[in-house]
Protein backbone atom coordinates (compact mmCIF):
# COMPACT_ATOMS: atom_id res chain seq x y z
CA MET A 1 30.68 -6.52 -15.85
CA ILE A 2 27.85 -5.79 -18.27
CA ARG A 3 24.60 -7.51 -17.37
CA THR A 4 22.07 -8.39 -20.04
CA PRO A 5 18.42 -7.34 -19.54
CA ARG A 6 17.59 -10.99 -18.83
CA ILE A 7 20.19 -11.24 -16.07
CA ARG A 8 19.01 -7.97 -14.54
CA LEU A 9 15.43 -9.25 -14.55
CA GLN A 10 16.50 -12.51 -12.89
CA ARG A 11 18.29 -10.57 -10.17
CA LYS A 12 15.24 -8.37 -9.61
CA ASN A 13 13.02 -11.45 -9.38
CA GLU A 14 15.38 -13.07 -6.88
CA MET A 15 15.34 -9.95 -4.71
CA LEU A 16 11.56 -9.78 -4.96
CA LYS A 17 11.20 -13.42 -3.96
CA SER A 18 13.53 -12.87 -0.99
CA LYS A 19 11.38 -9.97 0.24
CA LEU A 20 8.21 -12.00 -0.26
CA ILE A 21 9.66 -14.87 1.78
CA SER A 22 10.63 -12.45 4.55
CA LEU A 23 7.11 -10.99 4.58
CA ALA A 24 5.59 -14.48 4.56
CA THR A 25 7.75 -15.48 7.53
CA SER A 26 6.60 -12.44 9.51
CA VAL A 27 2.93 -13.10 8.75
CA GLU A 28 3.21 -16.80 9.61
CA GLU A 29 4.85 -15.90 12.94
CA SER A 30 2.08 -13.38 13.68
CA VAL A 31 -0.57 -16.06 13.23
CA LYS A 32 1.28 -18.47 15.53
CA LEU A 33 1.78 -15.85 18.24
CA ALA A 34 -1.83 -14.65 18.07
CA ILE A 35 -3.12 -18.17 18.57
CA LYS A 36 -0.64 -18.74 21.41
CA ALA A 37 -1.88 -15.53 23.03
CA ILE A 38 -5.42 -16.94 22.97
CA ARG A 39 -4.28 -20.23 24.46
CA ASP A 40 -2.11 -18.67 27.19
CA ARG A 41 -4.30 -15.63 27.93
CA ASP A 42 -1.20 -13.56 27.20
CA GLU A 43 -2.14 -9.92 26.69
CA LYS A 44 1.46 -8.78 26.26
CA LEU A 45 2.08 -11.29 23.48
CA ALA A 46 -1.16 -10.31 21.77
CA THR A 47 -0.19 -6.65 21.91
CA SER A 48 3.14 -7.42 20.25
CA VAL A 49 1.27 -8.98 17.31
CA ILE A 50 -0.95 -5.90 16.99
CA ASP A 51 2.03 -3.54 17.12
CA GLY A 52 3.98 -5.61 14.57
CA ASP A 53 1.30 -5.21 11.93
CA ARG A 54 2.56 -1.73 11.00
CA GLU A 55 5.85 -3.19 9.82
CA ILE A 56 4.05 -5.88 7.82
CA ASP A 57 2.00 -3.17 6.10
CA ARG A 58 5.15 -1.15 5.34
CA VAL A 59 6.93 -4.13 3.75
CA GLU A 60 3.81 -5.03 1.76
CA ILE A 61 3.75 -1.56 0.17
CA GLU A 62 7.48 -1.75 -0.56
CA ILE A 63 7.08 -5.08 -2.36
CA GLU A 64 4.13 -3.78 -4.39
CA GLU A 65 6.30 -0.89 -5.55
CA ASP A 66 9.06 -3.35 -6.52
CA CYS A 67 6.57 -5.34 -8.60
CA LEU A 68 5.39 -2.22 -10.40
CA GLU A 69 8.97 -1.18 -11.09
CA ILE A 70 9.79 -4.57 -12.62
CA LEU A 71 6.68 -4.47 -14.79
CA ALA A 72 7.46 -0.93 -15.98
CA LEU A 73 11.20 -1.27 -16.59
CA HIS A 74 11.64 -4.90 -17.65
CA GLN A 75 8.35 -5.83 -19.32
CA PRO A 76 8.56 -9.50 -18.27
CA VAL A 77 6.89 -12.24 -20.31
CA ALA A 78 5.95 -15.92 -19.88
CA MET A 79 6.98 -17.38 -16.51
CA ASP A 80 8.59 -14.12 -15.36
CA LEU A 81 5.31 -12.29 -15.93
CA ARG A 82 3.39 -15.02 -14.10
CA PHE A 83 5.80 -14.71 -11.19
CA ILE A 84 5.23 -10.95 -10.90
CA THR A 85 1.46 -11.09 -11.27
CA GLY A 86 1.28 -14.08 -8.91
CA GLY A 87 3.50 -12.19 -6.48
CA PHE A 88 1.07 -9.28 -6.51
CA LYS A 89 -1.73 -11.63 -5.49
CA ILE A 90 0.33 -13.33 -2.78
CA ILE A 91 1.21 -9.95 -1.25
CA ASN A 92 -2.49 -9.20 -0.99
CA GLN A 93 -3.23 -12.57 0.63
CA LEU A 94 -0.40 -12.13 3.15
CA GLU A 95 -1.63 -8.65 4.08
CA ARG A 96 -5.10 -10.02 4.75
CA ILE A 97 -3.74 -12.92 6.80
CA GLY A 98 -1.73 -10.40 8.83
CA ASP A 99 -4.94 -8.46 9.50
CA LEU A 100 -6.67 -11.65 10.63
CA ALA A 101 -3.78 -12.38 13.01
CA VAL A 102 -4.34 -8.91 14.48
CA ASN A 103 -8.06 -9.66 14.87
CA ILE A 104 -7.24 -12.85 16.75
CA ALA A 105 -4.72 -10.98 18.91
CA GLU A 106 -7.34 -8.33 19.74
CA THR A 107 -9.66 -11.11 20.87
CA ALA A 108 -6.82 -12.48 23.02
CA VAL A 109 -6.52 -9.09 24.70
CA LEU A 110 -10.24 -9.04 25.41
CA LEU A 111 -10.35 -12.61 26.72
CA ALA A 112 -7.35 -11.97 28.97
CA SER A 113 -9.39 -9.28 30.73
CA GLU A 114 -12.37 -11.60 31.25
CA PRO A 115 -12.76 -14.47 33.71
CA PRO A 116 -11.23 -17.67 32.26
CA LEU A 117 -13.38 -19.15 29.51
CA GLN A 118 -13.37 -22.81 28.59
CA ILE A 119 -12.10 -23.06 25.03
CA PRO A 120 -12.81 -26.37 23.27
CA SER A 121 -9.70 -28.19 22.12
CA ASP A 122 -11.22 -28.20 18.63
CA TYR A 123 -10.41 -24.49 18.38
CA PHE A 124 -6.73 -25.22 18.66
CA LEU A 125 -7.00 -28.25 16.40
CA MET A 126 -8.59 -26.01 13.77
CA ALA A 127 -5.87 -23.43 14.37
CA GLU A 128 -3.23 -26.13 13.85
CA ARG A 129 -4.81 -27.13 10.54
CA ALA A 130 -5.01 -23.54 9.35
CA GLU A 131 -1.40 -22.90 10.39
CA ASN A 132 -0.31 -26.04 8.57
CA MET A 133 -2.13 -24.97 5.41
CA LEU A 134 -0.40 -21.59 5.56
CA LYS A 135 3.00 -23.20 6.12
CA ASN A 136 2.55 -25.60 3.21
CA ALA A 137 1.28 -22.86 0.90
CA LEU A 138 4.31 -20.73 1.71
CA ASP A 139 6.67 -23.71 1.36
CA ALA A 140 5.10 -24.36 -2.03
CA PHE A 141 5.87 -20.77 -2.99
CA VAL A 142 9.47 -20.89 -1.73
CA ASN A 143 10.14 -24.10 -3.68
CA MET A 144 7.79 -23.38 -6.59
CA ASP A 145 6.20 -26.75 -5.82
CA ASP A 146 2.81 -27.09 -7.52
CA THR A 147 2.34 -30.61 -6.09
CA LEU A 148 2.48 -29.33 -2.51
CA ALA A 149 0.26 -26.42 -3.51
CA THR A 150 -2.35 -28.88 -4.80
CA GLU A 151 -2.28 -30.70 -1.45
CA VAL A 152 -3.14 -27.42 0.29
CA LEU A 153 -6.30 -27.12 -1.81
CA ALA A 154 -7.46 -30.52 -0.62
CA ASP A 155 -7.16 -29.51 3.06
CA ASP A 156 -9.60 -26.60 2.89
CA ASP A 157 -12.75 -28.73 3.17
CA GLU A 158 -11.55 -30.22 6.48
CA VAL A 159 -11.12 -26.76 8.01
CA ASP A 160 -14.62 -25.80 6.83
CA MET A 161 -16.09 -28.87 8.53
CA MET A 162 -14.27 -28.06 11.76
CA LYS A 163 -15.65 -24.52 11.65
CA HIS A 164 -19.21 -25.80 11.31
CA LYS A 165 -18.70 -28.07 14.33
CA LEU A 166 -17.40 -25.16 16.41
CA HIS A 167 -20.34 -23.02 15.33
CA ARG A 168 -22.76 -25.63 16.65
CA ASN A 169 -20.86 -25.67 19.94
CA PHE A 170 -21.05 -21.87 20.09
CA GLU A 171 -24.82 -21.85 19.54
CA GLU A 172 -25.32 -24.43 22.31
CA ARG A 173 -23.16 -22.53 24.81
CA LEU A 174 -24.71 -19.17 23.98
CA GLY A 175 -28.05 -20.56 25.12
CA THR A 176 -26.71 -21.78 28.48
CA GLU A 177 -23.91 -19.28 29.28
CA ILE A 178 -25.74 -16.03 28.69
CA GLU A 179 -23.56 -14.15 31.16
CA ARG A 180 -20.52 -15.01 29.04
CA SER A 181 -22.13 -14.05 25.74
CA ARG A 182 -19.64 -11.23 25.00
CA ALA A 183 -16.62 -13.50 25.39
CA LEU A 184 -18.32 -16.34 23.53
CA ILE A 185 -19.14 -14.12 20.56
CA HIS A 186 -15.52 -13.02 20.28
CA LEU A 187 -14.39 -16.63 20.56
CA PHE A 188 -16.85 -17.51 17.80
CA LEU A 189 -15.25 -14.85 15.62
CA VAL A 190 -11.85 -16.50 16.10
CA SER A 191 -13.12 -19.59 14.29
CA ARG A 192 -14.20 -17.38 11.39
CA HIS A 193 -10.78 -15.74 11.29
CA LEU A 194 -9.12 -19.16 11.21
CA GLU A 195 -11.38 -20.21 8.36
CA ARG A 196 -10.39 -17.08 6.44
CA ILE A 197 -6.69 -17.79 7.05
CA ALA A 198 -7.25 -21.22 5.52
CA ASP A 199 -9.06 -19.61 2.57
CA HIS A 200 -6.24 -17.16 1.94
CA SER A 201 -3.71 -20.00 2.22
CA THR A 202 -5.71 -21.81 -0.46
CA ASN A 203 -5.53 -18.70 -2.62
CA ILE A 204 -1.75 -18.58 -2.20
CA ALA A 205 -1.55 -22.22 -3.25
CA GLU A 206 -3.65 -21.44 -6.34
CA ASP A 207 -1.31 -18.56 -7.16
CA VAL A 208 1.70 -20.87 -6.87
CA ILE A 209 0.09 -23.33 -9.29
CA TYR A 210 -0.43 -20.44 -11.72
CA MET A 211 3.17 -19.28 -11.34
CA VAL A 212 4.58 -22.75 -12.02
CA THR A 213 2.20 -24.15 -14.63
CA GLY A 214 0.18 -21.26 -16.02
CA ALA A 215 -3.01 -23.04 -14.97
CA ILE A 216 -5.67 -20.83 -13.36
CA VAL A 217 -7.30 -22.77 -10.54
CA ARG A 218 -10.43 -21.28 -8.98
CA HIS A 219 -13.54 -22.78 -7.43
CA GLY A 220 -12.48 -26.33 -8.20
CA HIS A 221 -11.95 -25.61 -11.90
CA SER A 222 -8.73 -25.27 -13.85
CA SER A 223 -7.85 -23.56 -17.11
CA THR A 224 -4.55 -22.81 -18.81
CA LYS A 225 -3.69 -19.47 -20.33
């Protein structure tokens, strides 16, 4: 059967989307496991997240090469071009989220070697919000749902407020638990990593909006190319 250039491009895009979804699933699972390792003081689980990052990096490079091949051989236009360029950006966001999951896992390893440290429940509430933003951003990508993507953008402010609250708690504890300063500093960094995961999830949502509508959404402003 002879396939037209358009059909070949569609098949390439479908394969690319499938790989992106697989990568997104791996990254999302890494974030969940890293946070669980913090909660459960599970060094073995944290180490598995760190070790798994090599495979995430390998797949990321493979997908980038696929995108470049499609651009070079098929010269996509309109929505197809937006899908490829948006895919490039999403790959980058997923790679960074994977790195942040590793950072959280490394903190879990450190905390597991320290005496138990009281972790405010707000840390895990913030983690839940960040995880939910990531899930919704990825669901928006899978379904090309710009409405769900827009909802993700609205959630970012809440995560920022939670981070500020945790930072105040950190400053108070650092003044009274000097002997635990090393562990507290690393715990403080976890809240920053969670904030960055939320930021990257927001970026993915913005990329989905661009893919679907052509609107460029950044810093609260929107334009259409």
